[in-house]
Amino acid sequence: MLIAFEGLDQSGKETQARRLRQWLEWHGRRVESLTFPDYTTPIGSEIGKALHGERDFGPDVIQLLQIANRHEWKPRIETWLREGRVVVCDRYAASSVAYGEAQGLDPAWLTAAQAYLPHPSVTVLLDIAPEVAAARKAGDRDTFERDLAMLGRVRTSYLRQALELDWIVVDAARPVDAVHADVINAVATRLGPM
């Protein structure tokens, strides 16, 4: 199964993905973890440069690069899933929809552009207000992290997707342990007996 964590930067995706992985492994599951974008690939390197002002790509190009970055991992994800592993992703396809939609791109086009990626079995939205996210990281913020109005639109897109696609939504403004408990309870309910 593929489990995707979505949400604004500083919502706790990395922490909760790591903790979920530990919980799944404790229950005997083989788990692989990915973070998108993956800046170690050639496409990921271009994304990193764009997010830090070294490239001047339009929103459509940025999202196509993000989608291509996930496609770079598609063969390996499919292999892991065939082998019965759980794949836990810190960001996945919904990020392109949320960030692209927030910049005026058509969410249906962004969804269709990712139709051939493996689909998540479970998506967890760690919901947090942009102001709270910004307060958690004062320095070294990329282009997207500095634009609170845009982040508000990203959050709106995430919440719309969550409602339409029956995601798990967790209030991520609370202490890490409380968020973790809610994530585990919700994922366990969705996945059934371990």
N, C-alpha and C. Protein backbone atom coordinates (compact mmCIF):
# COMPACT_ATOMS: atom_id res chain seq x y z
N MET A 1 0.83 -1.18 0.00
CA MET A 1 0.00 0.00 0.00
C MET A 1 0.87 1.24 0.00
N LEU A 2 0.31 2.31 -0.52
CA LEU A 2 1.00 3.60 -0.61
C LEU A 2 0.25 4.58 0.29
N ILE A 3 0.98 5.17 1.23
CA ILE A 3 0.41 6.14 2.16
C ILE A 3 1.10 7.47 1.90
N ALA A 4 0.31 8.49 1.62
CA ALA A 4 0.85 9.82 1.31
C ALA A 4 0.50 10.79 2.42
N PHE A 5 1.49 11.55 2.86
CA PHE A 5 1.28 12.67 3.77
C PHE A 5 1.29 13.95 2.96
N GLU A 6 0.28 14.77 3.14
CA GLU A 6 0.19 16.05 2.45
C GLU A 6 0.00 17.16 3.48
N GLY A 7 0.30 18.38 3.07
CA GLY A 7 0.12 19.53 3.94
C GLY A 7 1.15 20.60 3.63
N LEU A 8 0.96 21.74 4.24
CA LEU A 8 1.90 22.85 4.06
C LEU A 8 3.26 22.48 4.65
N ASP A 9 4.29 23.20 4.22
CA ASP A 9 5.60 23.04 4.85
C ASP A 9 5.45 23.36 6.33
N GLN A 10 6.18 22.65 7.16
CA GLN A 10 6.18 22.81 8.61
C GLN A 10 4.91 22.27 9.27
N SER A 11 4.12 21.47 8.54
CA SER A 11 2.93 20.87 9.14
C SER A 11 3.27 19.59 9.89
N GLY A 12 4.50 19.09 9.73
CA GLY A 12 4.92 17.88 10.43
C GLY A 12 4.94 16.63 9.57
N LYS A 13 4.90 16.79 8.25
CA LYS A 13 4.86 15.63 7.36
C LYS A 13 6.05 14.70 7.55
N GLU A 14 7.24 15.27 7.59
CA GLU A 14 8.45 14.44 7.73
C GLU A 14 8.43 13.68 9.05
N THR A 15 8.09 14.35 10.12
CA THR A 15 8.05 13.72 11.44
C THR A 15 6.99 12.63 11.50
N GLN A 16 5.80 12.93 11.01
CA GLN A 16 4.71 11.95 11.09
C GLN A 16 4.94 10.78 10.13
N ALA A 17 5.53 11.02 8.97
CA ALA A 17 5.86 9.93 8.05
C ALA A 17 6.89 9.00 8.70
N ARG A 18 7.90 9.59 9.36
CA ARG A 18 8.91 8.77 10.03
C ARG A 18 8.30 7.95 11.17
N ARG A 19 7.44 8.58 11.95
CA ARG A 19 6.83 7.88 13.08
C ARG A 19 5.87 6.79 12.63
N LEU A 20 5.14 7.05 11.54
CA LEU A 20 4.26 6.02 11.00
C LEU A 20 5.09 4.85 10.49
N ARG A 21 6.20 5.14 9.83
CA ARG A 21 7.07 4.06 9.36
C ARG A 21 7.52 3.20 10.53
N GLN A 22 7.95 3.82 11.63
CA GLN A 22 8.40 3.07 12.81
C GLN A 22 7.27 2.20 13.35
N TRP A 23 6.07 2.74 13.39
CA TRP A 23 4.91 2.00 13.90
C TRP A 23 4.60 0.81 13.01
N LEU A 24 4.63 1.02 11.69
CA LEU A 24 4.36 -0.07 10.75
C LEU A 24 5.43 -1.16 10.86
N GLU A 25 6.69 -0.74 10.97
CA GLU A 25 7.77 -1.74 11.10
C GLU A 25 7.63 -2.51 12.41
N TRP A 26 7.23 -1.83 13.47
CA TRP A 26 7.00 -2.50 14.76
C TRP A 26 5.92 -3.57 14.63
N HIS A 27 4.98 -3.36 13.68
CA HIS A 27 3.92 -4.33 13.41
C HIS A 27 4.32 -5.33 12.31
N GLY A 28 5.60 -5.37 11.99
CA GLY A 28 6.10 -6.40 11.08
C GLY A 28 6.01 -6.09 9.60
N ARG A 29 5.69 -4.87 9.25
CA ARG A 29 5.59 -4.52 7.84
C ARG A 29 6.93 -4.04 7.30
N ARG A 30 7.21 -4.37 6.04
CA ARG A 30 8.38 -3.83 5.35
C ARG A 30 7.98 -2.49 4.76
N VAL A 31 8.75 -1.45 5.05
CA VAL A 31 8.35 -0.09 4.69
C VAL A 31 9.48 0.61 3.94
N GLU A 32 9.10 1.34 2.92
CA GLU A 32 10.01 2.23 2.19
C GLU A 32 9.49 3.65 2.35
N SER A 33 10.39 4.61 2.43
CA SER A 33 10.01 6.01 2.60
C SER A 33 10.57 6.86 1.47
N LEU A 34 9.77 7.81 1.03
CA LEU A 34 10.19 8.77 0.00
C LEU A 34 9.75 10.17 0.40
N THR A 35 10.53 11.15 -0.02
CA THR A 35 10.17 12.55 0.16
C THR A 35 10.21 13.22 -1.21
N PHE A 36 9.12 13.93 -1.53
CA PHE A 36 9.06 14.66 -2.79
C PHE A 36 8.94 16.14 -2.53
N PRO A 37 9.64 16.97 -3.33
CA PRO A 37 10.52 16.55 -4.40
C PRO A 37 11.79 15.90 -3.87
N ASP A 38 12.34 15.02 -4.70
CA ASP A 38 13.62 14.39 -4.41
C ASP A 38 14.68 15.21 -5.13
N TYR A 39 15.37 16.04 -4.37
CA TYR A 39 16.34 16.98 -4.95
C TYR A 39 17.62 16.31 -5.44
N THR A 40 17.79 15.00 -5.21
CA THR A 40 19.01 14.32 -5.62
C THR A 40 19.02 13.92 -7.09
N THR A 41 17.86 13.97 -7.75
CA THR A 41 17.80 13.60 -9.17
C THR A 41 18.03 14.84 -10.04
N PRO A 42 18.33 14.67 -11.33
CA PRO A 42 18.49 15.84 -12.20
C PRO A 42 17.25 16.73 -12.23
N ILE A 43 16.08 16.13 -12.30
CA ILE A 43 14.84 16.91 -12.31
C ILE A 43 14.65 17.58 -10.96
N GLY A 44 14.90 16.85 -9.89
CA GLY A 44 14.77 17.42 -8.55
C GLY A 44 15.71 18.58 -8.32
N SER A 45 16.91 18.51 -8.88
CA SER A 45 17.86 19.60 -8.77
C SER A 45 17.30 20.88 -9.39
N GLU A 46 16.66 20.75 -10.53
CA GLU A 46 16.05 21.91 -11.19
C GLU A 46 14.92 22.49 -10.33
N ILE A 47 14.14 21.62 -9.70
CA ILE A 47 13.07 22.08 -8.82
C ILE A 47 13.66 22.89 -7.66
N GLY A 48 14.71 22.36 -7.06
CA GLY A 48 15.35 23.05 -5.95
C GLY A 48 15.87 24.42 -6.36
N LYS A 49 16.47 24.50 -7.53
CA LYS A 49 16.97 25.79 -8.02
C LYS A 49 15.82 26.77 -8.24
N ALA A 50 14.73 26.28 -8.78
CA ALA A 50 13.58 27.16 -9.02
C ALA A 50 12.98 27.66 -7.70
N LEU A 51 12.88 26.79 -6.72
CA LEU A 51 12.29 27.19 -5.44
C LEU A 51 13.16 28.19 -4.67
N HIS A 52 14.44 28.25 -5.04
CA HIS A 52 15.34 29.19 -4.37
C HIS A 52 15.75 30.35 -5.28
N GLY A 53 14.95 30.59 -6.34
CA GLY A 53 15.13 31.77 -7.17
C GLY A 53 16.22 31.69 -8.21
N GLU A 54 16.79 30.51 -8.45
CA GLU A 54 17.86 30.38 -9.45
C GLU A 54 17.32 30.08 -10.84
N ARG A 55 16.06 29.77 -10.96
CA ARG A 55 15.41 29.51 -12.24
C ARG A 55 14.11 30.31 -12.25
N ASP A 56 13.68 30.70 -13.44
CA ASP A 56 12.45 31.47 -13.56
C ASP A 56 11.43 30.66 -14.37
N PHE A 57 10.95 29.58 -13.78
CA PHE A 57 9.95 28.74 -14.44
C PHE A 57 8.56 29.22 -14.05
N GLY A 58 7.63 29.11 -14.98
CA GLY A 58 6.24 29.40 -14.68
C GLY A 58 5.63 28.29 -13.84
N PRO A 59 4.44 28.54 -13.26
CA PRO A 59 3.80 27.53 -12.42
C PRO A 59 3.58 26.19 -13.14
N ASP A 60 3.23 26.24 -14.43
CA ASP A 60 3.00 24.99 -15.16
C ASP A 60 4.29 24.18 -15.27
N VAL A 61 5.40 24.84 -15.55
CA VAL A 61 6.68 24.13 -15.69
C VAL A 61 7.10 23.53 -14.34
N ILE A 62 6.94 24.31 -13.27
CA ILE A 62 7.30 23.80 -11.94
C ILE A 62 6.50 22.54 -11.63
N GLN A 63 5.19 22.58 -11.87
CA GLN A 63 4.37 21.40 -11.53
C GLN A 63 4.67 20.22 -12.46
N LEU A 64 4.97 20.48 -13.72
CA LEU A 64 5.35 19.37 -14.60
C LEU A 64 6.67 18.76 -14.15
N LEU A 65 7.60 19.59 -13.67
CA LEU A 65 8.85 19.05 -13.11
C LEU A 65 8.57 18.22 -11.86
N GLN A 66 7.67 18.71 -11.00
CA GLN A 66 7.31 17.95 -9.79
C GLN A 66 6.72 16.59 -10.17
N ILE A 67 5.84 16.59 -11.15
CA ILE A 67 5.22 15.34 -11.61
C ILE A 67 6.28 14.42 -12.20
N ALA A 68 7.17 14.97 -13.03
CA ALA A 68 8.25 14.16 -13.62
C ALA A 68 9.15 13.59 -12.53
N ASN A 69 9.39 14.35 -11.47
CA ASN A 69 10.21 13.87 -10.36
C ASN A 69 9.58 12.64 -9.71
N ARG A 70 8.26 12.63 -9.57
CA ARG A 70 7.59 11.44 -9.02
C ARG A 70 7.65 10.28 -10.01
N HIS A 71 7.55 10.60 -11.31
CA HIS A 71 7.65 9.54 -12.32
C HIS A 71 9.04 8.90 -12.33
N GLU A 72 10.07 9.66 -11.95
CA GLU A 72 11.40 9.07 -11.84
C GLU A 72 11.39 7.89 -10.87
N TRP A 73 10.55 7.97 -9.85
CA TRP A 73 10.47 6.94 -8.81
C TRP A 73 9.41 5.88 -9.09
N LYS A 74 8.58 6.10 -10.11
CA LYS A 74 7.46 5.20 -10.38
C LYS A 74 7.87 3.72 -10.50
N PRO A 75 8.89 3.37 -11.28
CA PRO A 75 9.24 1.94 -11.37
C PRO A 75 9.59 1.32 -10.01
N ARG A 76 10.33 2.05 -9.21
CA ARG A 76 10.72 1.51 -7.91
C ARG A 76 9.52 1.40 -6.98
N ILE A 77 8.63 2.40 -7.00
CA ILE A 77 7.42 2.34 -6.18
C ILE A 77 6.59 1.13 -6.58
N GLU A 78 6.41 0.93 -7.88
CA GLU A 78 5.61 -0.21 -8.35
C GLU A 78 6.24 -1.53 -7.92
N THR A 79 7.57 -1.63 -7.98
CA THR A 79 8.25 -2.85 -7.53
C THR A 79 8.02 -3.08 -6.04
N TRP A 80 8.19 -2.05 -5.24
CA TRP A 80 7.97 -2.19 -3.79
C TRP A 80 6.54 -2.62 -3.49
N LEU A 81 5.58 -2.03 -4.19
CA LEU A 81 4.18 -2.40 -3.94
C LEU A 81 3.92 -3.85 -4.34
N ARG A 82 4.48 -4.29 -5.45
CA ARG A 82 4.33 -5.70 -5.87
C ARG A 82 4.93 -6.65 -4.84
N GLU A 83 6.01 -6.21 -4.19
CA GLU A 83 6.67 -7.03 -3.18
C GLU A 83 5.94 -7.02 -1.84
N GLY A 84 4.84 -6.29 -1.76
CA GLY A 84 4.05 -6.24 -0.53
C GLY A 84 4.55 -5.24 0.50
N ARG A 85 5.41 -4.34 0.09
CA ARG A 85 5.91 -3.32 1.02
C ARG A 85 4.90 -2.18 1.14
N VAL A 86 5.02 -1.45 2.24
CA VAL A 86 4.28 -0.21 2.42
C VAL A 86 5.21 0.92 2.01
N VAL A 87 4.71 1.82 1.18
CA VAL A 87 5.48 2.99 0.76
C VAL A 87 4.86 4.21 1.42
N VAL A 88 5.66 4.92 2.20
CA VAL A 88 5.20 6.12 2.90
C VAL A 88 5.87 7.32 2.24
N CYS A 89 5.04 8.24 1.73
CA CYS A 89 5.57 9.42 1.03
C CYS A 89 5.29 10.70 1.80
N ASP A 90 6.32 11.49 1.95
CA ASP A 90 6.22 12.86 2.45
C ASP A 90 6.01 13.71 1.21
N ARG A 91 4.79 14.05 0.93
CA ARG A 91 4.27 14.70 -0.28
C ARG A 91 4.15 13.68 -1.40
N TYR A 92 3.10 13.90 -2.21
CA TYR A 92 2.90 13.05 -3.38
C TYR A 92 2.07 13.84 -4.39
N ALA A 93 1.25 13.18 -5.14
CA ALA A 93 0.55 13.79 -6.28
C ALA A 93 -0.33 14.97 -5.90
N ALA A 94 -0.98 14.92 -4.76
CA ALA A 94 -1.90 16.00 -4.38
C ALA A 94 -1.18 17.33 -4.18
N SER A 95 0.11 17.29 -3.91
CA SER A 95 0.86 18.54 -3.76
C SER A 95 0.86 19.35 -5.05
N SER A 96 1.01 18.67 -6.18
CA SER A 96 0.99 19.39 -7.45
C SER A 96 -0.38 20.01 -7.70
N VAL A 97 -1.43 19.28 -7.34
CA VAL A 97 -2.77 19.83 -7.50
C VAL A 97 -2.94 21.06 -6.61
N ALA A 98 -2.55 20.94 -5.34
CA ALA A 98 -2.76 22.04 -4.38
C ALA A 98 -1.93 23.27 -4.75
N TYR A 99 -0.65 23.09 -4.98
CA TYR A 99 0.21 24.24 -5.28
C TYR A 99 -0.08 24.80 -6.67
N GLY A 100 -0.35 23.93 -7.63
CA GLY A 100 -0.69 24.41 -8.96
C GLY A 100 -2.01 25.15 -8.98
N GLU A 101 -3.02 24.60 -8.32
CA GLU A 101 -4.32 25.26 -8.26
C GLU A 101 -4.19 26.62 -7.57
N ALA A 102 -3.36 26.69 -6.54
CA ALA A 102 -3.16 27.96 -5.82
C ALA A 102 -2.53 29.02 -6.72
N GLN A 103 -1.87 28.58 -7.80
CA GLN A 103 -1.24 29.51 -8.74
C GLN A 103 -2.05 29.65 -10.03
N GLY A 104 -3.30 29.20 -10.00
CA GLY A 104 -4.19 29.42 -11.13
C GLY A 104 -4.24 28.32 -12.17
N LEU A 105 -3.56 27.19 -11.92
CA LEU A 105 -3.61 26.08 -12.88
C LEU A 105 -4.88 25.25 -12.66
N ASP A 106 -5.29 24.55 -13.69
CA ASP A 106 -6.50 23.74 -13.66
C ASP A 106 -6.23 22.45 -12.85
N PRO A 107 -6.94 22.25 -11.73
CA PRO A 107 -6.69 21.05 -10.93
C PRO A 107 -7.01 19.75 -11.68
N ALA A 108 -7.98 19.79 -12.59
CA ALA A 108 -8.30 18.58 -13.36
C ALA A 108 -7.13 18.21 -14.27
N TRP A 109 -6.48 19.21 -14.87
CA TRP A 109 -5.31 18.95 -15.71
C TRP A 109 -4.17 18.37 -14.88
N LEU A 110 -3.94 18.94 -13.70
CA LEU A 110 -2.87 18.45 -12.83
C LEU A 110 -3.13 17.02 -12.37
N THR A 111 -4.39 16.71 -12.11
CA THR A 111 -4.76 15.34 -11.71
C THR A 111 -4.55 14.39 -12.89
N ALA A 112 -5.02 14.79 -14.07
CA ALA A 112 -4.89 13.93 -15.25
C ALA A 112 -3.43 13.69 -15.61
N ALA A 113 -2.58 14.68 -15.40
CA ALA A 113 -1.15 14.54 -15.73
C ALA A 113 -0.46 13.50 -14.85
N GLN A 114 -1.12 13.11 -13.77
CA GLN A 114 -0.53 12.13 -12.85
C GLN A 114 -1.29 10.81 -12.82
N ALA A 115 -2.14 10.61 -13.81
CA ALA A 115 -3.03 9.45 -13.82
C ALA A 115 -2.28 8.12 -13.83
N TYR A 116 -1.06 8.11 -14.33
CA TYR A 116 -0.33 6.85 -14.44
C TYR A 116 0.66 6.61 -13.30
N LEU A 117 0.62 7.46 -12.30
CA LEU A 117 1.39 7.20 -11.08
C LEU A 117 0.59 6.25 -10.19
N PRO A 118 1.26 5.44 -9.38
CA PRO A 118 0.51 4.62 -8.41
C PRO A 118 -0.34 5.53 -7.51
N HIS A 119 -1.56 5.11 -7.25
CA HIS A 119 -2.47 5.91 -6.44
C HIS A 119 -2.34 5.55 -4.97
N PRO A 120 -2.40 6.55 -4.09
CA PRO A 120 -2.32 6.26 -2.65
C PRO A 120 -3.51 5.42 -2.18
N SER A 121 -3.24 4.49 -1.27
CA SER A 121 -4.29 3.75 -0.58
C SER A 121 -4.91 4.64 0.48
N VAL A 122 -4.07 5.46 1.10
CA VAL A 122 -4.48 6.37 2.16
C VAL A 122 -3.72 7.68 1.98
N THR A 123 -4.43 8.80 2.11
CA THR A 123 -3.78 10.10 2.13
C THR A 123 -4.12 10.77 3.45
N VAL A 124 -3.09 11.27 4.12
CA VAL A 124 -3.25 11.97 5.40
C VAL A 124 -2.90 13.43 5.17
N LEU A 125 -3.88 14.31 5.41
CA LEU A 125 -3.63 15.74 5.32
C LEU A 125 -3.35 16.26 6.73
N LEU A 126 -2.15 16.77 6.92
CA LEU A 126 -1.79 17.42 8.18
C LEU A 126 -2.14 18.90 8.01
N ASP A 127 -3.29 19.26 8.52
CA ASP A 127 -3.83 20.60 8.28
C ASP A 127 -3.30 21.60 9.29
N ILE A 128 -2.83 22.73 8.76
CA ILE A 128 -2.27 23.78 9.60
C ILE A 128 -2.46 25.11 8.88
N ALA A 129 -2.72 26.17 9.64
CA ALA A 129 -2.87 27.50 9.05
C ALA A 129 -1.51 28.01 8.56
N PRO A 130 -1.49 28.77 7.47
CA PRO A 130 -0.23 29.29 6.95
C PRO A 130 0.56 30.09 7.99
N GLU A 131 -0.12 30.86 8.82
CA GLU A 131 0.56 31.67 9.82
C GLU A 131 1.29 30.80 10.85
N VAL A 132 0.66 29.68 11.22
CA VAL A 132 1.28 28.76 12.17
C VAL A 132 2.50 28.09 11.52
N ALA A 133 2.34 27.70 10.26
CA ALA A 133 3.46 27.09 9.53
C ALA A 133 4.63 28.06 9.44
N ALA A 134 4.35 29.33 9.11
CA ALA A 134 5.41 30.32 8.98
C ALA A 134 6.13 30.55 10.30
N ALA A 135 5.39 30.51 11.39
CA ALA A 135 5.99 30.73 12.71
C ALA A 135 6.93 29.60 13.10
N ARG A 136 6.73 28.41 12.52
CA ARG A 136 7.58 27.27 12.85
C ARG A 136 8.92 27.31 12.14
N LYS A 137 9.04 28.14 11.10
CA LYS A 137 10.30 28.23 10.35
C LYS A 137 10.54 29.68 9.99
N ALA A 138 11.35 30.34 10.77
CA ALA A 138 11.56 31.77 10.58
C ALA A 138 12.52 32.09 9.44
N GLY A 139 13.53 31.25 9.23
CA GLY A 139 14.54 31.55 8.22
C GLY A 139 14.62 30.51 7.13
N ASP A 140 15.37 30.81 6.08
CA ASP A 140 15.63 29.91 4.96
C ASP A 140 14.34 29.37 4.34
N ARG A 141 13.38 30.26 4.16
CA ARG A 141 12.11 29.85 3.57
C ARG A 141 12.18 30.04 2.06
N ASP A 142 11.68 29.04 1.31
CA ASP A 142 11.72 29.13 -0.14
C ASP A 142 10.60 30.05 -0.65
N THR A 143 10.53 30.18 -1.97
CA THR A 143 9.58 31.10 -2.60
C THR A 143 8.16 30.86 -2.14
N PHE A 144 7.73 29.61 -2.12
CA PHE A 144 6.36 29.28 -1.73
C PHE A 144 6.13 29.56 -0.25
N GLU A 145 7.11 29.24 0.59
CA GLU A 145 6.94 29.38 2.03
C GLU A 145 6.80 30.85 2.47
N ARG A 146 7.26 31.78 1.64
CA ARG A 146 7.20 33.19 2.01
C ARG A 146 5.88 33.85 1.62
N ASP A 147 5.07 33.20 0.81
CA ASP A 147 3.84 33.79 0.28
C ASP A 147 2.63 33.24 1.05
N LEU A 148 2.26 33.94 2.14
CA LEU A 148 1.18 33.44 3.00
C LEU A 148 -0.17 33.41 2.29
N ALA A 149 -0.44 34.37 1.42
CA ALA A 149 -1.70 34.37 0.68
C ALA A 149 -1.80 33.14 -0.22
N MET A 150 -0.69 32.82 -0.89
CA MET A 150 -0.70 31.63 -1.73
C MET A 150 -0.87 30.37 -0.88
N LEU A 151 -0.18 30.33 0.27
CA LEU A 151 -0.31 29.16 1.14
C LEU A 151 -1.75 28.99 1.62
N GLY A 152 -2.45 30.09 1.81
CA GLY A 152 -3.87 30.00 2.15
C GLY A 152 -4.66 29.33 1.05
N ARG A 153 -4.33 29.65 -0.21
CA ARG A 153 -5.01 29.00 -1.34
C ARG A 153 -4.61 27.53 -1.45
N VAL A 154 -3.35 27.21 -1.13
CA VAL A 154 -2.90 25.82 -1.12
C VAL A 154 -3.72 25.04 -0.10
N ARG A 155 -3.85 25.61 1.09
CA ARG A 155 -4.63 24.94 2.15
C ARG A 155 -6.07 24.71 1.70
N THR A 156 -6.67 25.71 1.06
CA THR A 156 -8.04 25.57 0.57
C THR A 156 -8.14 24.41 -0.43
N SER A 157 -7.17 24.30 -1.33
CA SER A 157 -7.16 23.20 -2.30
C SER A 157 -7.02 21.85 -1.59
N TYR A 158 -6.11 21.78 -0.63
CA TYR A 158 -5.94 20.53 0.11
C TYR A 158 -7.25 20.13 0.80
N LEU A 159 -7.91 21.09 1.44
CA LEU A 159 -9.15 20.76 2.15
C LEU A 159 -10.25 20.34 1.18
N ARG A 160 -10.30 20.95 0.00
CA ARG A 160 -11.26 20.54 -1.03
C ARG A 160 -10.98 19.11 -1.47
N GLN A 161 -9.71 18.83 -1.76
CA GLN A 161 -9.35 17.48 -2.19
C GLN A 161 -9.68 16.45 -1.10
N ALA A 162 -9.38 16.81 0.15
CA ALA A 162 -9.62 15.90 1.26
C ALA A 162 -11.10 15.53 1.35
N LEU A 163 -11.96 16.50 1.17
CA LEU A 163 -13.40 16.27 1.24
C LEU A 163 -13.86 15.40 0.07
N GLU A 164 -13.38 15.73 -1.14
CA GLU A 164 -13.80 15.01 -2.34
C GLU A 164 -13.26 13.58 -2.38
N LEU A 165 -12.06 13.37 -1.83
CA LEU A 165 -11.39 12.07 -1.99
C LEU A 165 -11.32 11.25 -0.70
N ASP A 166 -12.03 11.70 0.34
CA ASP A 166 -12.12 10.96 1.59
C ASP A 166 -10.76 10.69 2.23
N TRP A 167 -9.99 11.77 2.38
CA TRP A 167 -8.71 11.66 3.06
C TRP A 167 -8.89 11.68 4.57
N ILE A 168 -7.85 11.35 5.26
CA ILE A 168 -7.77 11.55 6.71
C ILE A 168 -7.25 12.97 6.93
N VAL A 169 -7.96 13.77 7.71
CA VAL A 169 -7.54 15.14 8.00
C VAL A 169 -7.23 15.22 9.49
N VAL A 170 -6.02 15.66 9.82
CA VAL A 170 -5.57 15.76 11.20
C VAL A 170 -5.15 17.19 11.48
N ASP A 171 -5.59 17.72 12.61
CA ASP A 171 -5.18 19.06 13.04
C ASP A 171 -3.72 19.00 13.46
N ALA A 172 -2.85 19.57 12.64
CA ALA A 172 -1.40 19.47 12.86
C ALA A 172 -0.84 20.61 13.69
N ALA A 173 -1.68 21.49 14.20
CA ALA A 173 -1.20 22.59 15.03
C ALA A 173 -0.99 22.15 16.48
N ARG A 174 -1.35 20.92 16.78
CA ARG A 174 -1.25 20.40 18.14
C ARG A 174 0.12 19.76 18.39
N PRO A 175 0.41 19.34 19.62
CA PRO A 175 1.69 18.68 19.91
C PRO A 175 1.90 17.43 19.06
N VAL A 176 3.16 17.14 18.78
CA VAL A 176 3.55 16.04 17.89
C VAL A 176 2.93 14.71 18.33
N ASP A 177 2.94 14.41 19.62
CA ASP A 177 2.41 13.12 20.09
C ASP A 177 0.91 13.01 19.86
N ALA A 178 0.18 14.11 20.02
CA ALA A 178 -1.27 14.09 19.78
C ALA A 178 -1.56 13.86 18.30
N VAL A 179 -0.79 14.51 17.45
CA VAL A 179 -0.95 14.33 16.00
C VAL A 179 -0.64 12.88 15.64
N HIS A 180 0.46 12.35 16.17
CA HIS A 180 0.86 10.97 15.90
C HIS A 180 -0.24 9.99 16.30
N ALA A 181 -0.81 10.19 17.48
CA ALA A 181 -1.87 9.29 17.95
C ALA A 181 -3.06 9.31 16.99
N ASP A 182 -3.44 10.49 16.53
CA ASP A 182 -4.55 10.58 15.57
C ASP A 182 -4.21 9.93 14.24
N VAL A 183 -2.97 10.12 13.77
CA VAL A 183 -2.54 9.50 12.51
C VAL A 183 -2.61 7.98 12.64
N ILE A 184 -2.04 7.44 13.70
CA ILE A 184 -2.03 5.98 13.89
C ILE A 184 -3.45 5.43 13.97
N ASN A 185 -4.31 6.07 14.77
CA ASN A 185 -5.69 5.59 14.90
C ASN A 185 -6.41 5.61 13.57
N ALA A 186 -6.27 6.69 12.82
CA ALA A 186 -6.96 6.82 11.54
C ALA A 186 -6.42 5.84 10.50
N VAL A 187 -5.10 5.73 10.42
CA VAL A 187 -4.51 4.80 9.45
C VAL A 187 -4.87 3.36 9.81
N ALA A 188 -4.78 3.01 11.09
CA ALA A 188 -5.13 1.65 11.51
C ALA A 188 -6.57 1.33 11.18
N THR A 189 -7.46 2.29 11.35
CA THR A 189 -8.87 2.08 11.00
C THR A 189 -9.04 1.83 9.51
N ARG A 190 -8.31 2.60 8.70
CA ARG A 190 -8.41 2.44 7.25
C ARG A 190 -7.80 1.14 6.75
N LEU A 191 -6.69 0.74 7.39
CA LEU A 191 -5.96 -0.43 6.91
C LEU A 191 -6.49 -1.74 7.45
N GLY A 192 -7.20 -1.68 8.57
CA GLY A 192 -7.70 -2.90 9.18
C GLY A 192 -6.65 -3.57 10.02
N PRO A 193 -6.86 -4.82 10.44
CA PRO A 193 -5.93 -5.51 11.33
C PRO A 193 -4.54 -5.60 10.74
N MET A 194 -3.55 -5.34 11.60
CA MET A 194 -2.15 -5.43 11.16
C MET A 194 -1.68 -6.85 11.36
